[in-house]
Amino acid sequence: MVALDRQSGQLLGYLDALFQRLVLPRQQAEQPQVECSREEIRALIRLGTSGRMIMSDLAAALGVPLSTATHTVDRLVDKGLAVRNRSEQDRRVVQVEMSERGKAVQAMLRSKHQAMARSWLAPLSAAERNNFLELMAKISARARPESERTMEETG
C-alpha cells in the first residue's frame, strides 16, 4: 500500500503540472463567454449526449431531485444555453434541450478538449499512445469515488 500511496502522490503531481501548463495560462479571451456551475455543466453534457429530454428523465440521469434539475435548467435558460418546450402530446410535460448557443459553446469546448488531448498524446510514440489509452480505459472503467471504496482498498 505504501507504493500505491507514493504513486498516487506522483500522479497527483503530474496532474497538477498538466493543470498548471494547460489551464491556468489561458488568456481571458479564450474562456467561454458563459460561466457555468458544475451542475450546469453536467446538465449540458447530458443534454448534449441525449438530446431533448423530459425534466424527470434529466433529473434521474443527473441523480438529483426534480426541483434541483428544474433550478439548474432555469439558470441554463437564463444564460441562453437551453430551451424548454411543452410536449405537443401532453402540455403538462416539459421537455428541455440545448439551445443553438448551448450547442455552439459545447462545440467550442469539444474543440479545445480535442486540442488538449492531442497535446497529451503528441509526445508519445504510437505504441505508447496505445498503451496509455488502454490504461486510461482501465482506469475510467474501474475508478470509483472514495465513498464507494471497500475497507480492503482503503487499508
Protein backbone atom coordinates (compact mmCIF):
# COMPACT_ATOMS: atom_id res chain seq x y z
CA MET A 1 0.00 0.00 0.00
CA VAL A 2 2.97 2.32 0.63
CA ALA A 3 3.99 2.10 -3.04
CA LEU A 4 0.39 2.83 -4.12
CA ASP A 5 0.27 5.88 -1.83
CA ARG A 6 3.62 7.14 -3.19
CA GLN A 7 2.50 6.57 -6.78
CA SER A 8 -0.84 8.26 -6.09
CA GLY A 9 1.09 11.29 -4.90
CA GLN A 10 3.20 11.16 -8.05
CA LEU A 11 0.08 11.01 -10.22
CA LEU A 12 -1.42 14.00 -8.43
CA GLY A 13 1.81 15.89 -9.03
CA TYR A 14 1.70 15.11 -12.74
CA LEU A 15 -1.96 16.10 -12.97
CA ASP A 16 -1.22 19.33 -11.14
CA ALA A 17 1.63 20.05 -13.57
CA LEU A 18 -0.73 19.43 -16.51
CA PHE A 19 -3.28 21.74 -14.94
CA GLN A 20 -0.64 24.43 -14.44
CA ARG A 21 0.57 24.15 -18.05
CA LEU A 22 -2.75 23.80 -19.83
CA VAL A 23 -5.43 25.54 -17.82
CA LEU A 24 -4.01 28.38 -15.77
CA PRO A 25 -2.09 30.23 -18.53
CA ARG A 26 -5.15 30.65 -20.75
CA GLN A 27 -5.91 34.21 -21.57
CA GLN A 28 -9.31 35.58 -20.60
CA ALA A 29 -10.31 35.86 -24.28
CA GLU A 30 -10.01 32.07 -24.62
CA GLN A 31 -12.51 31.39 -21.85
CA PRO A 32 -16.09 30.59 -22.80
CA GLN A 33 -18.29 33.65 -22.71
CA VAL A 34 -20.58 31.93 -20.20
CA GLU A 35 -19.72 30.81 -16.69
CA CYS A 36 -21.42 27.61 -15.58
CA SER A 37 -21.56 25.74 -12.30
CA ARG A 38 -20.59 22.09 -12.09
CA GLU A 39 -24.27 21.06 -12.08
CA GLU A 40 -24.98 23.21 -15.13
CA ILE A 41 -22.06 21.64 -16.99
CA ARG A 42 -23.27 18.14 -16.03
CA ALA A 43 -26.75 19.00 -17.33
CA LEU A 44 -25.33 20.40 -20.58
CA ILE A 45 -23.22 17.29 -21.10
CA ARG A 46 -26.27 15.07 -20.59
CA LEU A 47 -28.38 17.20 -22.93
CA GLY A 48 -25.58 17.14 -25.48
CA THR A 49 -25.46 13.35 -25.49
CA SER A 50 -29.17 12.65 -25.06
CA GLY A 51 -30.81 15.49 -26.96
CA ARG A 52 -34.29 16.59 -25.94
CA MET A 53 -35.35 15.15 -22.58
CA ILE A 54 -38.26 15.49 -20.23
CA MET A 55 -37.35 17.11 -16.93
CA SER A 56 -37.91 13.99 -14.83
CA ASP A 57 -35.56 11.97 -17.08
CA LEU A 58 -32.91 14.68 -16.84
CA ALA A 59 -33.21 14.70 -13.05
CA ALA A 60 -32.87 10.91 -12.96
CA ALA A 61 -29.87 10.97 -15.31
CA LEU A 62 -28.16 13.56 -13.11
CA GLY A 63 -29.12 11.73 -9.91
CA VAL A 64 -30.74 14.82 -8.41
CA PRO A 65 -34.26 15.70 -7.27
CA LEU A 66 -36.61 17.18 -9.88
CA SER A 67 -36.51 20.54 -8.06
CA THR A 68 -32.71 20.67 -8.38
CA ALA A 69 -32.84 19.79 -12.07
CA THR A 70 -35.52 22.44 -12.59
CA HIS A 71 -33.40 25.09 -10.85
CA THR A 72 -30.36 24.07 -12.91
CA VAL A 73 -32.33 24.31 -16.15
CA ASP A 74 -33.72 27.69 -15.06
CA ARG A 75 -30.15 29.00 -14.89
CA LEU A 76 -29.25 27.42 -18.25
CA VAL A 77 -32.30 29.01 -19.87
CA ASP A 78 -31.40 32.39 -18.33
CA LYS A 79 -27.91 32.06 -19.83
CA GLY A 80 -29.35 31.16 -23.23
CA LEU A 81 -27.81 27.68 -23.20
CA ALA A 82 -31.02 25.62 -23.01
CA VAL A 83 -34.65 25.93 -24.03
CA ARG A 84 -37.83 24.45 -22.62
CA ASN A 85 -40.71 23.22 -24.74
CA ARG A 86 -44.09 21.82 -23.83
CA SER A 87 -44.91 18.47 -25.36
CA GLU A 88 -47.47 18.67 -28.15
CA GLN A 89 -48.99 15.37 -27.00
CA ASP A 90 -49.28 16.34 -23.32
CA ARG A 91 -48.95 20.01 -22.40
CA ARG A 92 -48.12 19.05 -18.80
CA VAL A 93 -44.84 17.52 -19.96
CA VAL A 94 -41.88 19.90 -20.20
CA GLN A 95 -39.01 18.97 -22.47
CA VAL A 96 -35.60 20.60 -22.31
CA GLU A 97 -32.80 20.69 -24.87
CA MET A 98 -29.70 22.69 -25.68
CA SER A 99 -30.23 25.98 -27.47
CA GLU A 100 -28.23 26.87 -30.56
CA ARG A 101 -25.98 28.97 -28.32
CA GLY A 102 -25.55 25.98 -25.98
CA LYS A 103 -24.59 23.79 -28.93
CA ALA A 104 -22.06 26.40 -30.09
CA VAL A 105 -20.48 26.61 -26.62
CA GLN A 106 -20.35 22.80 -26.45
CA ALA A 107 -18.70 22.61 -29.90
CA MET A 108 -16.10 25.20 -28.87
CA LEU A 109 -15.31 23.31 -25.66
CA ARG A 110 -15.13 20.00 -27.51
CA SER A 111 -12.64 21.53 -29.95
CA LYS A 112 -10.48 22.82 -27.08
CA HIS A 113 -10.65 19.42 -25.35
CA GLN A 114 -9.64 17.69 -28.59
CA ALA A 115 -6.64 20.01 -28.94
CA MET A 116 -5.67 19.32 -25.32
CA ALA A 117 -5.93 15.55 -25.88
CA ARG A 118 -3.72 15.85 -28.98
CA SER A 119 -1.14 17.79 -26.96
CA TRP A 120 -1.07 14.99 -24.35
CA LEU A 121 -0.65 12.25 -26.94
CA ALA A 122 1.72 14.02 -29.37
CA PRO A 123 4.95 13.41 -27.37
CA LEU A 124 4.26 9.66 -27.25
CA SER A 125 5.11 7.05 -29.84
CA ALA A 126 2.23 5.13 -31.45
CA ALA A 127 2.85 2.17 -29.11
CA GLU A 128 2.97 4.45 -26.07
CA ARG A 129 -0.29 6.12 -27.14
CA ASN A 130 -1.96 2.71 -27.44
CA ASN A 131 -0.67 1.67 -24.01
CA PHE A 132 -1.73 4.98 -22.47
CA LEU A 133 -5.24 4.71 -23.94
CA GLU A 134 -5.59 1.11 -22.77
CA LEU A 135 -4.57 2.16 -19.26
CA MET A 136 -6.94 5.13 -19.28
CA ALA A 137 -9.77 2.82 -20.38
CA LYS A 138 -8.99 0.51 -17.47
CA ILE A 139 -8.81 3.40 -15.01
CA SER A 140 -12.04 5.00 -16.21
CA ALA A 141 -13.89 1.68 -16.10
CA ARG A 142 -12.77 0.86 -12.56
CA ALA A 143 -12.27 4.18 -10.78
CA ARG A 144 -14.82 4.87 -8.05
CA PRO A 145 -15.48 7.74 -5.67
CA GLU A 146 -13.98 7.43 -2.19
CA SER A 147 -17.46 6.72 -0.77
CA GLU A 148 -17.69 3.51 -2.84
CA ARG A 149 -14.27 2.09 -1.94
CA THR A 150 -14.17 -1.01 0.25
CA MET A 151 -12.35 -1.30 3.58
CA GLU A 152 -9.82 -3.60 1.89
CA GLU A 153 -8.96 -0.92 -0.66
CA THR A 154 -8.63 1.85 1.94
CA GLY A 155 -6.25 -0.15 4.07
